[in-house]
Amino acid sequence: MSRPAYYADFVSMPALALALILLGGATLSGIVLGLIAWTLAEYVIHRMLFHRLPLFKTGHDEHHAKPSGRTGVTSWHSLLVFGALFLVLPAGVLAGLALGYLAYIAAHHAVHHWRVAPGHPLYGLKIRHAMHHRGDEVNFGVVTTAWDRVFGTHRPFRSKPGQI
């Protein structure tokens, strides 16, 4: 994936959320509902689509093989999904989903591309996600562990100094 294609959602999602908030009459409760809904969607998409559905699994396997590469969903795909959701969801919920997706792509990018040392706020997320990348069918949530805990796929990673 080209560099502009990889980073396009980092621009399009804040713009979409801002437009929905300013022009669409988004409510705070709708945004919060959308953020919570995103966390569940993130878990289900990662666990069910990316790890089981052949159409998505091939690309996701490529990501697991080369985690620091620029692989992911293209902005055309995400904008198409958000465009379809625009037809059925209130502006606030859609803004919350867009902000949740933005949090996901930012966190996922950080764990794969930034050097994060023990003690850094992202360190726990990085080591938890690294455990997932080792091939264990655990820790599908990137932004939160909530749904992994609900569905029994959470596995804490206890690191020793200098281990990761």
N, C-alpha and C. Protein backbone atom coordinates (compact mmCIF):
# COMPACT_ATOMS: atom_id res chain seq x y z
N MET A 1 0.85 -1.16 0.00
CA MET A 1 0.00 0.00 0.00
C MET A 1 0.90 1.23 0.00
N SER A 2 0.55 2.22 -0.78
CA SER A 2 1.36 3.44 -0.84
C SER A 2 1.26 4.22 0.47
N ARG A 3 2.24 5.06 0.71
CA ARG A 3 2.24 5.88 1.92
C ARG A 3 0.99 6.77 2.00
N PRO A 4 0.60 7.49 0.92
CA PRO A 4 -0.62 8.30 1.01
C PRO A 4 -1.87 7.47 1.30
N ALA A 5 -1.98 6.29 0.70
CA ALA A 5 -3.15 5.44 0.94
C ALA A 5 -3.17 4.95 2.39
N TYR A 6 -1.99 4.63 2.93
CA TYR A 6 -1.91 4.16 4.30
C TYR A 6 -2.37 5.23 5.29
N TYR A 7 -1.97 6.47 5.05
CA TYR A 7 -2.25 7.54 6.00
C TYR A 7 -3.55 8.30 5.72
N ALA A 8 -4.24 8.01 4.65
CA ALA A 8 -5.43 8.79 4.27
C ALA A 8 -6.52 8.78 5.33
N ASP A 9 -6.75 7.66 6.01
CA ASP A 9 -7.79 7.62 7.04
C ASP A 9 -7.44 8.49 8.25
N PHE A 10 -6.16 8.79 8.45
CA PHE A 10 -5.76 9.68 9.53
C PHE A 10 -6.23 11.11 9.25
N VAL A 11 -6.57 11.39 8.00
CA VAL A 11 -7.11 12.70 7.62
C VAL A 11 -8.62 12.62 7.41
N SER A 12 -9.07 11.59 6.72
CA SER A 12 -10.49 11.51 6.38
C SER A 12 -11.40 11.26 7.58
N MET A 13 -10.95 10.48 8.55
CA MET A 13 -11.82 10.18 9.70
C MET A 13 -12.03 11.38 10.62
N PRO A 14 -10.98 12.16 10.96
CA PRO A 14 -11.25 13.36 11.75
C PRO A 14 -12.14 14.35 10.99
N ALA A 15 -11.91 14.45 9.67
CA ALA A 15 -12.73 15.36 8.87
C ALA A 15 -14.19 14.91 8.86
N LEU A 16 -14.41 13.61 8.71
CA LEU A 16 -15.76 13.08 8.73
C LEU A 16 -16.42 13.32 10.08
N ALA A 17 -15.72 13.01 11.16
CA ALA A 17 -16.28 13.20 12.51
C ALA A 17 -16.59 14.67 12.76
N LEU A 18 -15.69 15.56 12.38
CA LEU A 18 -15.90 16.99 12.58
C LEU A 18 -17.11 17.48 11.78
N ALA A 19 -17.22 17.04 10.54
CA ALA A 19 -18.37 17.43 9.72
C ALA A 19 -19.68 16.93 10.33
N LEU A 20 -19.69 15.71 10.81
CA LEU A 20 -20.90 15.16 11.42
C LEU A 20 -21.26 15.91 12.70
N ILE A 21 -20.25 16.30 13.47
CA ILE A 21 -20.49 17.01 14.72
C ILE A 21 -20.99 18.43 14.45
N LEU A 22 -20.33 19.12 13.53
CA LEU A 22 -20.68 20.52 13.27
C LEU A 22 -21.91 20.69 12.39
N LEU A 23 -22.07 19.82 11.41
CA LEU A 23 -23.14 19.99 10.43
C LEU A 23 -24.29 19.01 10.59
N GLY A 24 -24.02 17.89 11.26
CA GLY A 24 -25.02 16.83 11.32
C GLY A 24 -25.86 16.81 12.57
N GLY A 25 -25.61 17.73 13.50
CA GLY A 25 -26.40 17.75 14.71
C GLY A 25 -26.10 16.59 15.64
N ALA A 26 -24.84 16.17 15.70
CA ALA A 26 -24.46 15.06 16.56
C ALA A 26 -24.64 15.43 18.03
N THR A 27 -25.12 14.47 18.80
CA THR A 27 -25.26 14.68 20.24
C THR A 27 -24.14 13.96 20.97
N LEU A 28 -23.84 14.42 22.18
CA LEU A 28 -22.79 13.79 22.97
C LEU A 28 -23.14 12.33 23.26
N SER A 29 -24.41 12.07 23.58
CA SER A 29 -24.81 10.68 23.86
C SER A 29 -24.66 9.81 22.62
N GLY A 30 -24.95 10.35 21.45
CA GLY A 30 -24.76 9.60 20.21
C GLY A 30 -23.30 9.30 19.95
N ILE A 31 -22.44 10.27 20.21
CA ILE A 31 -21.00 10.08 20.01
C ILE A 31 -20.47 9.00 20.95
N VAL A 32 -20.88 9.05 22.22
CA VAL A 32 -20.44 8.05 23.20
C VAL A 32 -20.94 6.67 22.79
N LEU A 33 -22.21 6.58 22.36
CA LEU A 33 -22.74 5.30 21.89
C LEU A 33 -21.94 4.78 20.71
N GLY A 34 -21.59 5.66 19.78
CA GLY A 34 -20.77 5.26 18.63
C GLY A 34 -19.39 4.78 19.03
N LEU A 35 -18.78 5.44 20.01
CA LEU A 35 -17.46 5.01 20.49
C LEU A 35 -17.54 3.62 21.12
N ILE A 36 -18.56 3.40 21.92
CA ILE A 36 -18.72 2.07 22.53
C ILE A 36 -19.01 1.02 21.47
N ALA A 37 -19.87 1.37 20.51
CA ALA A 37 -20.18 0.44 19.42
C ALA A 37 -18.92 0.12 18.62
N TRP A 38 -18.05 1.11 18.43
CA TRP A 38 -16.81 0.85 17.69
C TRP A 38 -15.98 -0.22 18.38
N THR A 39 -15.87 -0.16 19.72
CA THR A 39 -15.03 -1.13 20.40
C THR A 39 -15.50 -2.56 20.14
N LEU A 40 -16.82 -2.76 20.10
CA LEU A 40 -17.35 -4.08 19.78
C LEU A 40 -17.10 -4.42 18.31
N ALA A 41 -17.32 -3.45 17.43
CA ALA A 41 -17.08 -3.69 16.00
C ALA A 41 -15.61 -4.04 15.75
N GLU A 42 -14.71 -3.33 16.41
CA GLU A 42 -13.28 -3.62 16.25
C GLU A 42 -12.97 -5.06 16.63
N TYR A 43 -13.51 -5.51 17.74
CA TYR A 43 -13.28 -6.88 18.20
C TYR A 43 -13.84 -7.89 17.19
N VAL A 44 -15.09 -7.70 16.79
CA VAL A 44 -15.75 -8.65 15.88
C VAL A 44 -15.06 -8.66 14.51
N ILE A 45 -14.73 -7.50 13.99
CA ILE A 45 -14.05 -7.42 12.69
C ILE A 45 -12.71 -8.15 12.76
N HIS A 46 -11.96 -7.87 13.81
CA HIS A 46 -10.63 -8.49 13.92
C HIS A 46 -10.72 -10.00 14.13
N ARG A 47 -11.58 -10.41 15.04
CA ARG A 47 -11.65 -11.84 15.36
C ARG A 47 -12.34 -12.65 14.26
N MET A 48 -13.46 -12.18 13.77
CA MET A 48 -14.26 -12.96 12.82
C MET A 48 -13.86 -12.75 11.37
N LEU A 49 -13.74 -11.50 10.94
CA LEU A 49 -13.43 -11.25 9.53
C LEU A 49 -11.94 -11.48 9.23
N PHE A 50 -11.08 -10.82 10.01
CA PHE A 50 -9.65 -10.86 9.69
C PHE A 50 -8.98 -12.19 10.00
N HIS A 51 -9.56 -12.96 10.91
CA HIS A 51 -8.92 -14.24 11.27
C HIS A 51 -9.66 -15.45 10.73
N ARG A 52 -10.84 -15.27 10.15
CA ARG A 52 -11.60 -16.44 9.70
C ARG A 52 -12.11 -16.35 8.27
N LEU A 53 -12.47 -15.18 7.78
CA LEU A 53 -13.07 -15.05 6.46
C LEU A 53 -11.96 -14.93 5.40
N PRO A 54 -11.87 -15.91 4.48
CA PRO A 54 -10.76 -15.92 3.53
C PRO A 54 -10.56 -14.60 2.77
N LEU A 55 -11.63 -13.91 2.45
CA LEU A 55 -11.53 -12.65 1.71
C LEU A 55 -10.64 -11.64 2.46
N PHE A 56 -10.72 -11.60 3.78
CA PHE A 56 -9.94 -10.66 4.59
C PHE A 56 -8.72 -11.31 5.23
N LYS A 57 -8.78 -12.60 5.46
CA LYS A 57 -7.73 -13.30 6.19
C LYS A 57 -6.39 -13.22 5.47
N THR A 58 -6.39 -13.31 4.16
CA THR A 58 -5.14 -13.27 3.39
C THR A 58 -4.38 -11.97 3.65
N GLY A 59 -5.08 -10.86 3.54
CA GLY A 59 -4.43 -9.57 3.79
C GLY A 59 -3.99 -9.42 5.23
N HIS A 60 -4.80 -9.94 6.14
CA HIS A 60 -4.45 -9.83 7.56
C HIS A 60 -3.27 -10.75 7.89
N ASP A 61 -3.21 -11.89 7.26
CA ASP A 61 -2.04 -12.77 7.44
C ASP A 61 -0.77 -12.07 6.97
N GLU A 62 -0.89 -11.29 5.89
CA GLU A 62 0.25 -10.51 5.40
C GLU A 62 0.70 -9.52 6.48
N HIS A 63 -0.27 -8.90 7.15
CA HIS A 63 0.05 -7.98 8.24
C HIS A 63 0.76 -8.71 9.37
N HIS A 64 0.31 -9.90 9.71
CA HIS A 64 0.96 -10.66 10.78
C HIS A 64 2.37 -11.07 10.36
N ALA A 65 2.58 -11.35 9.11
CA ALA A 65 3.91 -11.74 8.63
C ALA A 65 4.87 -10.55 8.60
N LYS A 66 4.34 -9.37 8.30
CA LYS A 66 5.17 -8.17 8.23
C LYS A 66 4.45 -7.04 8.96
N PRO A 67 4.47 -7.08 10.30
CA PRO A 67 3.67 -6.13 11.08
C PRO A 67 4.08 -4.66 10.94
N SER A 68 5.31 -4.39 10.55
CA SER A 68 5.70 -2.99 10.40
C SER A 68 5.48 -2.47 8.99
N GLY A 69 4.91 -3.30 8.12
CA GLY A 69 4.60 -2.86 6.77
C GLY A 69 3.36 -1.98 6.76
N ARG A 70 3.10 -1.36 5.63
CA ARG A 70 1.92 -0.51 5.51
C ARG A 70 0.80 -1.33 4.87
N THR A 71 0.18 -2.17 5.67
CA THR A 71 -0.96 -2.95 5.21
C THR A 71 -2.17 -2.51 6.02
N GLY A 72 -3.31 -2.63 5.42
CA GLY A 72 -4.54 -2.26 6.13
C GLY A 72 -5.67 -2.05 5.16
N VAL A 73 -6.75 -1.56 5.70
CA VAL A 73 -7.93 -1.27 4.89
C VAL A 73 -7.70 0.07 4.19
N THR A 74 -7.99 0.13 2.91
CA THR A 74 -7.81 1.39 2.20
C THR A 74 -8.91 2.37 2.58
N SER A 75 -8.61 3.65 2.40
CA SER A 75 -9.61 4.69 2.71
C SER A 75 -10.85 4.54 1.87
N TRP A 76 -10.71 4.03 0.66
CA TRP A 76 -11.91 3.84 -0.17
C TRP A 76 -12.86 2.85 0.49
N HIS A 77 -12.30 1.81 1.06
CA HIS A 77 -13.14 0.83 1.75
C HIS A 77 -13.81 1.43 2.98
N SER A 78 -13.01 2.10 3.80
CA SER A 78 -13.60 2.66 5.02
C SER A 78 -14.60 3.76 4.71
N LEU A 79 -14.33 4.59 3.72
CA LEU A 79 -15.29 5.64 3.38
C LEU A 79 -16.56 5.05 2.77
N LEU A 80 -16.44 3.96 2.05
CA LEU A 80 -17.61 3.27 1.51
C LEU A 80 -18.49 2.73 2.64
N VAL A 81 -17.85 2.11 3.63
CA VAL A 81 -18.59 1.58 4.79
C VAL A 81 -19.25 2.71 5.55
N PHE A 82 -18.50 3.78 5.83
CA PHE A 82 -19.08 4.90 6.56
C PHE A 82 -20.17 5.59 5.75
N GLY A 83 -20.02 5.64 4.44
CA GLY A 83 -21.07 6.21 3.59
C GLY A 83 -22.36 5.40 3.67
N ALA A 84 -22.23 4.08 3.67
CA ALA A 84 -23.41 3.22 3.80
C ALA A 84 -24.04 3.39 5.18
N LEU A 85 -23.22 3.48 6.21
CA LEU A 85 -23.74 3.66 7.57
C LEU A 85 -24.43 5.01 7.73
N PHE A 86 -23.99 5.99 6.96
CA PHE A 86 -24.61 7.33 6.99
C PHE A 86 -26.09 7.27 6.64
N LEU A 87 -26.45 6.29 5.83
CA LEU A 87 -27.84 6.16 5.41
C LEU A 87 -28.75 5.63 6.52
N VAL A 88 -28.17 4.99 7.54
CA VAL A 88 -28.99 4.34 8.56
C VAL A 88 -28.71 4.78 9.99
N LEU A 89 -27.62 5.46 10.25
CA LEU A 89 -27.27 5.82 11.63
C LEU A 89 -27.37 7.32 11.86
N PRO A 90 -27.72 7.72 13.08
CA PRO A 90 -27.70 9.14 13.41
C PRO A 90 -26.28 9.70 13.34
N ALA A 91 -26.16 11.00 13.11
CA ALA A 91 -24.86 11.65 12.94
C ALA A 91 -23.94 11.42 14.13
N GLY A 92 -24.46 11.49 15.35
CA GLY A 92 -23.62 11.33 16.53
C GLY A 92 -23.02 9.94 16.63
N VAL A 93 -23.82 8.93 16.38
CA VAL A 93 -23.33 7.55 16.43
C VAL A 93 -22.25 7.35 15.36
N LEU A 94 -22.50 7.87 14.18
CA LEU A 94 -21.52 7.73 13.10
C LEU A 94 -20.23 8.50 13.43
N ALA A 95 -20.36 9.69 14.03
CA ALA A 95 -19.17 10.44 14.45
C ALA A 95 -18.39 9.65 15.49
N GLY A 96 -19.09 9.03 16.44
CA GLY A 96 -18.42 8.20 17.44
C GLY A 96 -17.72 7.01 16.82
N LEU A 97 -18.36 6.38 15.84
CA LEU A 97 -17.72 5.26 15.14
C LEU A 97 -16.46 5.73 14.43
N ALA A 98 -16.53 6.89 13.78
CA ALA A 98 -15.36 7.43 13.07
C ALA A 98 -14.24 7.75 14.05
N LEU A 99 -14.57 8.33 15.20
CA LEU A 99 -13.55 8.64 16.19
C LEU A 99 -12.96 7.36 16.79
N GLY A 100 -13.81 6.35 17.00
CA GLY A 100 -13.32 5.07 17.50
C GLY A 100 -12.38 4.41 16.50
N TYR A 101 -12.75 4.45 15.22
CA TYR A 101 -11.89 3.90 14.18
C TYR A 101 -10.56 4.66 14.13
N LEU A 102 -10.63 5.97 14.28
CA LEU A 102 -9.41 6.77 14.29
C LEU A 102 -8.52 6.37 15.47
N ALA A 103 -9.11 6.17 16.64
CA ALA A 103 -8.34 5.72 17.80
C ALA A 103 -7.69 4.37 17.52
N TYR A 104 -8.43 3.48 16.87
CA TYR A 104 -7.91 2.16 16.53
C TYR A 104 -6.71 2.26 15.58
N ILE A 105 -6.86 3.00 14.48
CA ILE A 105 -5.76 3.04 13.51
C ILE A 105 -4.54 3.76 14.10
N ALA A 106 -4.78 4.75 14.95
CA ALA A 106 -3.66 5.45 15.59
C ALA A 106 -2.94 4.53 16.57
N ALA A 107 -3.70 3.82 17.41
CA ALA A 107 -3.09 2.90 18.38
C ALA A 107 -2.38 1.76 17.67
N HIS A 108 -3.01 1.21 16.65
CA HIS A 108 -2.41 0.09 15.92
C HIS A 108 -1.14 0.53 15.22
N HIS A 109 -1.16 1.72 14.64
CA HIS A 109 0.04 2.25 14.01
C HIS A 109 1.15 2.42 15.05
N ALA A 110 0.80 2.98 16.20
CA ALA A 110 1.79 3.24 17.24
C ALA A 110 2.45 1.95 17.72
N VAL A 111 1.66 0.90 17.95
CA VAL A 111 2.26 -0.33 18.48
C VAL A 111 3.18 -1.00 17.47
N HIS A 112 2.98 -0.73 16.20
CA HIS A 112 3.83 -1.37 15.18
C HIS A 112 4.96 -0.49 14.67
N HIS A 113 4.86 0.82 14.87
CA HIS A 113 5.84 1.71 14.24
C HIS A 113 6.61 2.60 15.22
N TRP A 114 6.18 2.67 16.46
CA TRP A 114 6.87 3.52 17.43
C TRP A 114 7.67 2.66 18.40
N ARG A 115 8.78 3.18 18.84
CA ARG A 115 9.52 2.55 19.93
C ARG A 115 8.85 2.98 21.23
N VAL A 116 8.35 2.00 21.95
CA VAL A 116 7.63 2.27 23.19
C VAL A 116 8.33 1.52 24.31
N ALA A 117 8.86 2.27 25.25
CA ALA A 117 9.63 1.68 26.35
C ALA A 117 8.74 1.37 27.55
N PRO A 118 9.18 0.45 28.39
CA PRO A 118 8.44 0.19 29.63
C PRO A 118 8.20 1.50 30.37
N GLY A 119 7.01 1.63 30.92
CA GLY A 119 6.64 2.85 31.61
C GLY A 119 5.86 3.83 30.75
N HIS A 120 5.97 3.69 29.43
CA HIS A 120 5.22 4.55 28.52
C HIS A 120 3.75 4.14 28.57
N PRO A 121 2.82 5.10 28.46
CA PRO A 121 1.39 4.75 28.51
C PRO A 121 0.95 3.71 27.48
N LEU A 122 1.63 3.62 26.35
CA LEU A 122 1.25 2.65 25.32
C LEU A 122 1.95 1.30 25.47
N TYR A 123 2.82 1.17 26.45
CA TYR A 123 3.60 -0.06 26.57
C TYR A 123 2.73 -1.29 26.79
N GLY A 124 1.75 -1.20 27.68
CA GLY A 124 0.86 -2.33 27.93
C GLY A 124 0.11 -2.75 26.68
N LEU A 125 -0.35 -1.76 25.92
CA LEU A 125 -1.06 -2.06 24.67
C LEU A 125 -0.11 -2.76 23.69
N LYS A 126 1.11 -2.26 23.62
CA LYS A 126 2.08 -2.83 22.68
C LYS A 126 2.39 -4.29 23.01
N ILE A 127 2.63 -4.59 24.28
CA ILE A 127 2.98 -5.97 24.61
C ILE A 127 1.78 -6.90 24.50
N ARG A 128 0.59 -6.38 24.81
CA ARG A 128 -0.63 -7.19 24.66
C ARG A 128 -0.85 -7.54 23.18
N HIS A 129 -0.65 -6.56 22.32
CA HIS A 129 -0.84 -6.79 20.88
C HIS A 129 0.27 -7.69 20.33
N ALA A 130 1.47 -7.57 20.86
CA ALA A 130 2.57 -8.43 20.43
C ALA A 130 2.24 -9.89 20.72
N MET A 131 1.58 -10.14 21.83
CA MET A 131 1.17 -11.50 22.16
C MET A 131 0.21 -12.04 21.11
N HIS A 132 -0.69 -11.19 20.65
CA HIS A 132 -1.62 -11.59 19.59
C HIS A 132 -0.84 -11.94 18.32
N HIS A 133 0.17 -11.15 18.02
CA HIS A 133 0.94 -11.37 16.80
C HIS A 133 1.83 -12.61 16.86
N ARG A 134 2.02 -13.15 18.02
CA ARG A 134 2.81 -14.39 18.13
C ARG A 134 2.02 -15.60 17.67
N GLY A 135 0.75 -15.40 17.31
CA GLY A 135 -0.04 -16.52 16.81
C GLY A 135 -1.10 -17.02 17.76
N ASP A 136 -1.13 -16.49 18.96
CA ASP A 136 -2.17 -16.88 19.91
C ASP A 136 -3.50 -16.26 19.48
N GLU A 137 -4.56 -17.02 19.59
CA GLU A 137 -5.90 -16.51 19.25
C GLU A 137 -6.47 -15.77 20.45
N VAL A 138 -5.78 -14.72 20.85
CA VAL A 138 -6.16 -13.91 22.00
C VAL A 138 -5.90 -12.45 21.70
N ASN A 139 -6.44 -11.58 22.55
CA ASN A 139 -6.17 -10.15 22.51
C ASN A 139 -6.49 -9.52 21.15
N PHE A 140 -7.72 -9.70 20.72
CA PHE A 140 -8.16 -9.14 19.43
C PHE A 140 -8.41 -7.65 19.51
N GLY A 141 -8.80 -7.17 20.68
CA GLY A 141 -9.02 -5.73 20.85
C GLY A 141 -7.69 -5.01 20.88
N VAL A 142 -7.61 -3.91 20.18
CA VAL A 142 -6.38 -3.11 20.18
C VAL A 142 -6.54 -1.95 21.15
N VAL A 143 -7.63 -1.22 21.04
CA VAL A 143 -7.84 -0.04 21.87
C VAL A 143 -8.27 -0.41 23.29
N THR A 144 -9.03 -1.46 23.45
CA THR A 144 -9.52 -1.86 24.76
C THR A 144 -9.50 -3.38 24.91
N THR A 145 -9.42 -3.83 26.14
CA THR A 145 -9.50 -5.26 26.41
C THR A 145 -10.91 -5.69 26.79
N ALA A 146 -11.85 -4.77 26.79
CA ALA A 146 -13.20 -5.05 27.31
C ALA A 146 -13.84 -6.26 26.66
N TRP A 147 -13.87 -6.32 25.34
CA TRP A 147 -14.58 -7.42 24.66
C TRP A 147 -13.78 -8.71 24.73
N ASP A 148 -12.47 -8.63 24.77
CA ASP A 148 -11.66 -9.83 25.00
C ASP A 148 -12.00 -10.42 26.36
N ARG A 149 -12.22 -9.59 27.33
CA ARG A 149 -12.58 -10.07 28.67
C ARG A 149 -13.98 -10.69 28.65
N VAL A 150 -14.93 -10.03 27.96
CA VAL A 150 -16.30 -10.54 27.88
C VAL A 150 -16.33 -11.90 27.20
N PHE A 151 -15.59 -12.06 26.09
CA PHE A 151 -15.64 -13.29 25.30
C PHE A 151 -14.54 -14.30 25.63
N GLY A 152 -13.79 -14.04 26.68
CA GLY A 152 -12.80 -15.01 27.14
C GLY A 152 -11.55 -15.13 26.30
N THR A 153 -11.23 -14.09 25.52
CA THR A 153 -10.02 -14.15 24.69
C THR A 153 -8.93 -13.20 25.20
N HIS A 154 -9.11 -12.65 26.38
CA HIS A 154 -8.08 -11.78 26.96
C HIS A 154 -7.02 -12.63 27.64
N ARG A 155 -5.80 -12.31 27.35
CA ARG A 155 -4.70 -12.95 28.04
C ARG A 155 -3.69 -11.87 28.39
N PRO A 156 -3.51 -11.62 29.67
CA PRO A 156 -2.52 -10.60 30.06
C PRO A 156 -1.12 -11.08 29.74
N PHE A 157 -0.29 -10.16 29.42
CA PHE A 157 1.10 -10.48 29.12
C PHE A 157 1.95 -9.87 30.21
N ARG A 158 2.66 -10.65 30.89
CA ARG A 158 3.52 -10.18 31.96
C ARG A 158 4.95 -10.15 31.40
N SER A 159 5.44 -8.97 31.20
CA SER A 159 6.78 -8.87 30.64
C SER A 159 7.81 -8.71 31.75
N LYS A 160 8.98 -9.15 31.43
CA LYS A 160 10.13 -8.93 32.30
C LYS A 160 10.90 -7.76 31.71
N PRO A 161 11.61 -7.01 32.51
CA PRO A 161 12.37 -5.88 31.97
C PRO A 161 13.23 -6.30 30.77
N GLY A 162 13.14 -5.52 29.71
CA GLY A 162 13.91 -5.78 28.51
C GLY A 162 13.38 -6.87 27.62
N GLN A 163 12.21 -7.43 27.92
CA GLN A 163 11.69 -8.55 27.14
C GLN A 163 11.11 -8.13 25.80
N ILE A 164 10.48 -6.97 25.76
CA ILE A 164 9.88 -6.54 24.49
C ILE A 164 10.15 -5.09 24.23
